[in-house]
Amino acid sequence: MNASTGALAIDSTFRERGAAKPGVRFDRASWPHGATGPAKAHGSVFSRGR
């Protein structure tokens, strides 16, 4: 977050191993806890980066 303007930005270092873009993909069949199919995001996380 820009302290002067309040603008939010995506943390470009938050990405899956080998991914070209930041974030997590939800359209996959297999997860670390097993093959459960695609997921739906239901929240957001905001951090002050401290």
PDB file of N, CA and C in Angstrom:
ATOM      1  N   MET A   1       0.836  -1.179   0.000  1.00  0.00           N
ATOM      2  CA  MET A   1       0.000   0.000   0.000  1.00  0.00           C
ATOM      3  C   MET A   1       0.879   1.240   0.000  1.00  0.00           C
ATOM      4  N   ASN A   2       0.498   2.182  -0.795  1.00  0.00           N
ATOM      5  CA  ASN A   2       1.197   3.455  -0.830  1.00  0.00           C
ATOM      6  C   ASN A   2       0.661   4.306   0.320  1.00  0.00           C
ATOM      7  N   ALA A   3       1.491   4.620   1.290  1.00  0.00           N
ATOM      8  CA  ALA A   3       1.057   5.369   2.468  1.00  0.00           C
ATOM      9  C   ALA A   3       0.547   6.763   2.132  1.00  0.00           C
ATOM     10  N   SER A   4       1.031   7.353   1.052  1.00  0.00           N
ATOM     11  CA  SER A   4       0.603   8.698   0.679  1.00  0.00           C
ATOM     12  C   SER A   4      -0.757   8.715  -0.008  1.00  0.00           C
ATOM     13  N   THR A   5      -0.982   7.731  -0.891  1.00  0.00           N
ATOM     14  CA  THR A   5      -2.222   7.736  -1.690  1.00  0.00           C
ATOM     15  C   THR A   5      -3.234   6.684  -1.254  1.00  0.00           C
ATOM     16  N   GLY A   6      -2.785   5.668  -0.500  1.00  0.00           N
ATOM     17  CA  GLY A   6      -3.676   4.582  -0.108  1.00  0.00           C
ATOM     18  C   GLY A   6      -3.864   3.541  -1.195  1.00  0.00           C
ATOM     19  N   ALA A   7      -3.143   3.686  -2.312  1.00  0.00           N
ATOM     20  CA  ALA A   7      -3.275   2.741  -3.432  1.00  0.00           C
ATOM     21  C   ALA A   7      -2.746   1.364  -3.043  1.00  0.00           C
ATOM     22  N   LEU A   8      -3.483   0.329  -3.445  1.00  0.00           N
ATOM     23  CA  LEU A   8      -3.060  -1.047  -3.182  1.00  0.00           C
ATOM     24  C   LEU A   8      -2.311  -1.591  -4.381  1.00  0.00           C
ATOM     25  N   ALA A   9      -1.448  -2.567  -4.135  1.00  0.00           N
ATOM     26  CA  ALA A   9      -0.689  -3.197  -5.215  1.00  0.00           C
ATOM     27  C   ALA A   9      -0.554  -4.689  -4.922  1.00  0.00           C
ATOM     28  N   ILE A  10      -0.412  -5.482  -5.965  1.00  0.00           N
ATOM     29  CA  ILE A  10      -0.193  -6.917  -5.808  1.00  0.00           C
ATOM     30  C   ILE A  10       1.275  -7.156  -5.493  1.00  0.00           C
ATOM     31  N   ASP A  11       1.534  -8.021  -4.515  1.00  0.00           N
ATOM     32  CA  ASP A  11       2.902  -8.400  -4.170  1.00  0.00           C
ATOM     33  C   ASP A  11       3.431  -9.301  -5.280  1.00  0.00           C
ATOM     34  N   SER A  12       4.319  -8.801  -6.103  1.00  0.00           N
ATOM     35  CA  SER A  12       4.812  -9.547  -7.262  1.00  0.00           C
ATOM     36  C   SER A  12       5.662 -10.755  -6.873  1.00  0.00           C
ATOM     37  N   THR A  13       6.067 -10.857  -5.602  1.00  0.00           N
ATOM     38  CA  THR A  13       6.849 -12.014  -5.161  1.00  0.00           C
ATOM     39  C   THR A  13       5.960 -13.170  -4.705  1.00  0.00           C
ATOM     40  N   PHE A  14       4.651 -12.935  -4.545  1.00  0.00           N
ATOM     41  CA  PHE A  14       3.717 -13.972  -4.123  1.00  0.00           C
ATOM     42  C   PHE A  14       3.217 -14.732  -5.346  1.00  0.00           C
ATOM     43  N   ARG A  15       3.832 -15.890  -5.597  1.00  0.00           N
ATOM     44  CA  ARG A  15       3.471 -16.684  -6.773  1.00  0.00           C
ATOM     45  C   ARG A  15       3.797 -18.139  -6.533  1.00  0.00           C
ATOM     46  N   GLU A  16       3.138 -18.992  -7.313  1.00  0.00           N
ATOM     47  CA  GLU A  16       3.425 -20.412  -7.240  1.00  0.00           C
ATOM     48  C   GLU A  16       4.770 -20.687  -7.878  1.00  0.00           C
ATOM     49  N   ARG A  17       5.430 -21.745  -7.440  1.00  0.00           N
ATOM     50  CA  ARG A  17       6.729 -22.117  -7.978  1.00  0.00           C
ATOM     51  C   ARG A  17       6.639 -22.288  -9.489  1.00  0.00           C
ATOM     52  N   GLY A  18       7.490 -21.596 -10.229  1.00  0.00           N
ATOM     53  CA  GLY A  18       7.545 -21.698 -11.678  1.00  0.00           C
ATOM     54  C   GLY A  18       6.519 -20.854 -12.419  1.00  0.00           C
ATOM     55  N   ALA A  19       5.654 -20.132 -11.704  1.00  0.00           N
ATOM     56  CA  ALA A  19       4.616 -19.322 -12.360  1.00  0.00           C
ATOM     57  C   ALA A  19       5.198 -18.042 -12.922  1.00  0.00           C
ATOM     58  N   ALA A  20       4.640 -17.584 -14.024  1.00  0.00           N
ATOM     59  CA  ALA A  20       5.088 -16.340 -14.646  1.00  0.00           C
ATOM     60  C   ALA A  20       4.397 -15.118 -14.044  1.00  0.00           C
ATOM     61  N   LYS A  21       3.233 -15.335 -13.406  1.00  0.00           N
ATOM     62  CA  LYS A  21       2.462 -14.219 -12.843  1.00  0.00           C
ATOM     63  C   LYS A  21       2.255 -14.440 -11.350  1.00  0.00           C
ATOM     64  N   PRO A  22       2.113 -13.350 -10.573  1.00  0.00           N
ATOM     65  CA  PRO A  22       1.871 -13.490  -9.138  1.00  0.00           C
ATOM     66  C   PRO A  22       0.477 -14.049  -8.854  1.00  0.00           C
ATOM     67  N   GLY A  23       0.321 -14.657  -7.677  1.00  0.00           N
ATOM     68  CA  GLY A  23      -0.970 -15.164  -7.247  1.00  0.00           C
ATOM     69  C   GLY A  23      -1.011 -16.675  -7.158  1.00  0.00           C
ATOM     70  N   VAL A  24      -2.211 -17.209  -6.917  1.00  0.00           N
ATOM     71  CA  VAL A  24      -2.449 -18.640  -6.803  1.00  0.00           C
ATOM     72  C   VAL A  24      -3.551 -19.007  -7.787  1.00  0.00           C
ATOM     73  N   ARG A  25      -3.364 -20.086  -8.536  1.00  0.00           N
ATOM     74  CA  ARG A  25      -4.392 -20.556  -9.475  1.00  0.00           C
ATOM     75  C   ARG A  25      -5.396 -21.435  -8.738  1.00  0.00           C
ATOM     76  N   PHE A  26      -6.661 -21.202  -8.966  1.00  0.00           N
ATOM     77  CA  PHE A  26      -7.715 -21.977  -8.328  1.00  0.00           C
ATOM     78  C   PHE A  26      -8.355 -22.981  -9.276  1.00  0.00           C
ATOM     79  N   ASP A  27      -8.002 -22.952 -10.557  1.00  0.00           N
ATOM     80  CA  ASP A  27      -8.621 -23.836 -11.547  1.00  0.00           C
ATOM     81  C   ASP A  27      -7.785 -25.094 -11.792  1.00  0.00           C
ATOM     82  N   ARG A  28      -7.521 -25.827 -10.735  1.00  0.00           N
ATOM     83  CA  ARG A  28      -6.745 -27.054 -10.860  1.00  0.00           C
ATOM     84  C   ARG A  28      -7.461 -28.200 -10.145  1.00  0.00           C
ATOM     85  N   ALA A  29      -7.161 -29.399 -10.575  1.00  0.00           N
ATOM     86  CA  ALA A  29      -7.819 -30.581 -10.010  1.00  0.00           C
ATOM     87  C   ALA A  29      -7.154 -31.070  -8.736  1.00  0.00           C
ATOM     88  N   SER A  30      -5.853 -30.837  -8.595  1.00  0.00           N
ATOM     89  CA  SER A  30      -5.113 -31.381  -7.466  1.00  0.00           C
ATOM     90  C   SER A  30      -4.548 -30.269  -6.587  1.00  0.00           C
ATOM     91  N   TRP A  31      -4.704 -30.448  -5.276  1.00  0.00           N
ATOM     92  CA  TRP A  31      -4.196 -29.518  -4.281  1.00  0.00           C
ATOM     93  C   TRP A  31      -3.246 -30.269  -3.351  1.00  0.00           C
ATOM     94  N   PRO A  32      -2.469 -29.558  -2.509  1.00  0.00           N
ATOM     95  CA  PRO A  32      -1.557 -30.243  -1.597  1.00  0.00           C
ATOM     96  C   PRO A  32      -2.265 -31.271  -0.696  1.00  0.00           C
ATOM     97  N   HIS A  33      -3.530 -31.062  -0.391  1.00  0.00           N
ATOM     98  CA  HIS A  33      -4.262 -31.991   0.478  1.00  0.00           C
ATOM     99  C   HIS A  33      -5.013 -33.065  -0.317  1.00  0.00           C
ATOM    100  N   GLY A  34      -4.875 -33.082  -1.636  1.00  0.00           N
ATOM    101  CA  GLY A  34      -5.495 -34.141  -2.430  1.00  0.00           C
ATOM    102  C   GLY A  34      -6.217 -33.623  -3.665  1.00  0.00           C
ATOM    103  N   ALA A  35      -6.770 -34.551  -4.427  1.00  0.00           N
ATOM    104  CA  ALA A  35      -7.488 -34.211  -5.664  1.00  0.00           C
ATOM    105  C   ALA A  35      -8.933 -33.878  -5.326  1.00  0.00           C
ATOM    106  N   THR A  36      -9.226 -32.594  -5.179  1.00  0.00           N
ATOM    107  CA  THR A  36     -10.567 -32.158  -4.794  1.00  0.00           C
ATOM    108  C   THR A  36     -11.235 -31.296  -5.858  1.00  0.00           C
ATOM    109  N   GLY A  37     -10.550 -31.044  -6.959  1.00  0.00           N
ATOM    110  CA  GLY A  37     -11.130 -30.233  -8.033  1.00  0.00           C
ATOM    111  C   GLY A  37     -10.911 -28.748  -7.838  1.00  0.00           C
ATOM    112  N   PRO A  38     -11.452 -27.943  -8.759  1.00  0.00           N
ATOM    113  CA  PRO A  38     -11.278 -26.495  -8.706  1.00  0.00           C
ATOM    114  C   PRO A  38     -11.874 -25.889  -7.430  1.00  0.00           C
ATOM    115  N   ALA A  39     -11.303 -24.789  -6.996  1.00  0.00           N
ATOM    116  CA  ALA A  39     -11.781 -24.086  -5.805  1.00  0.00           C
ATOM    117  C   ALA A  39     -12.320 -22.716  -6.191  1.00  0.00           C
ATOM    118  N   LYS A  40     -13.013 -22.098  -5.269  1.00  0.00           N
ATOM    119  CA  LYS A  40     -13.511 -20.733  -5.465  1.00  0.00           C
ATOM    120  C   LYS A  40     -12.921 -19.863  -4.361  1.00  0.00           C
ATOM    121  N   ALA A  41     -12.291 -18.780  -4.767  1.00  0.00           N
ATOM    122  CA  ALA A  41     -11.724 -17.850  -3.779  1.00  0.00           C
ATOM    123  C   ALA A  41     -12.860 -17.225  -2.974  1.00  0.00           C
ATOM    124  N   HIS A  42     -12.682 -17.106  -1.668  1.00  0.00           N
ATOM    125  CA  HIS A  42     -13.729 -16.534  -0.836  1.00  0.00           C
ATOM    126  C   HIS A  42     -13.186 -15.526   0.177  1.00  0.00           C
ATOM    127  N   GLY A  43     -12.073 -14.918  -0.164  1.00  0.00           N
ATOM    128  CA  GLY A  43     -11.527 -13.932   0.743  1.00  0.00           C
ATOM    129  C   GLY A  43     -10.320 -13.229   0.173  1.00  0.00           C
ATOM    130  N   SER A  44      -9.866 -12.218   0.853  1.00  0.00           N
ATOM    131  CA  SER A  44      -8.679 -11.468   0.464  1.00  0.00           C
ATOM    132  C   SER A  44      -7.837 -11.228   1.699  1.00  0.00           C
ATOM    133  N   VAL A  45      -6.556 -11.051   1.492  1.00  0.00           N
ATOM    134  CA  VAL A  45      -5.645 -10.767   2.589  1.00  0.00           C
ATOM    135  C   VAL A  45      -4.951  -9.446   2.301  1.00  0.00           C
ATOM    136  N   PHE A  46      -4.987  -8.555   3.254  1.00  0.00           N
ATOM    137  CA  PHE A  46      -4.301  -7.274   3.124  1.00  0.00           C
ATOM    138  C   PHE A  46      -3.253  -7.197   4.218  1.00  0.00           C
ATOM    139  N   SER A  47      -2.066  -6.740   3.856  1.00  0.00           N
ATOM    140  CA  SER A  47      -0.974  -6.665   4.817  1.00  0.00           C
ATOM    141  C   SER A  47      -0.273  -5.316   4.698  1.00  0.00           C
ATOM    142  N   ARG A  48       0.195  -4.821   5.796  1.00  0.00           N
ATOM    143  CA  ARG A  48       0.957  -3.576   5.769  1.00  0.00           C
ATOM    144  C   ARG A  48       2.413  -3.849   5.425  1.00  0.00           C
ATOM    145  N   GLY A  49       2.783  -5.130   5.248  1.00  0.00           N
ATOM    146  CA  GLY A  49       4.123  -5.475   4.819  1.00  0.00           C
ATOM    147  C   GLY A  49       5.201  -5.294   5.868  1.00  0.00           C
ATOM    148  N   ARG A  50       4.835  -5.389   7.116  1.00  0.00           N
ATOM    149  CA  ARG A  50       5.826  -5.188   8.170  1.00  0.00           C
ATOM    150  C   ARG A  50       6.412  -6.463   8.644  1.00  0.00           C
TER     151      ARG A  50
END
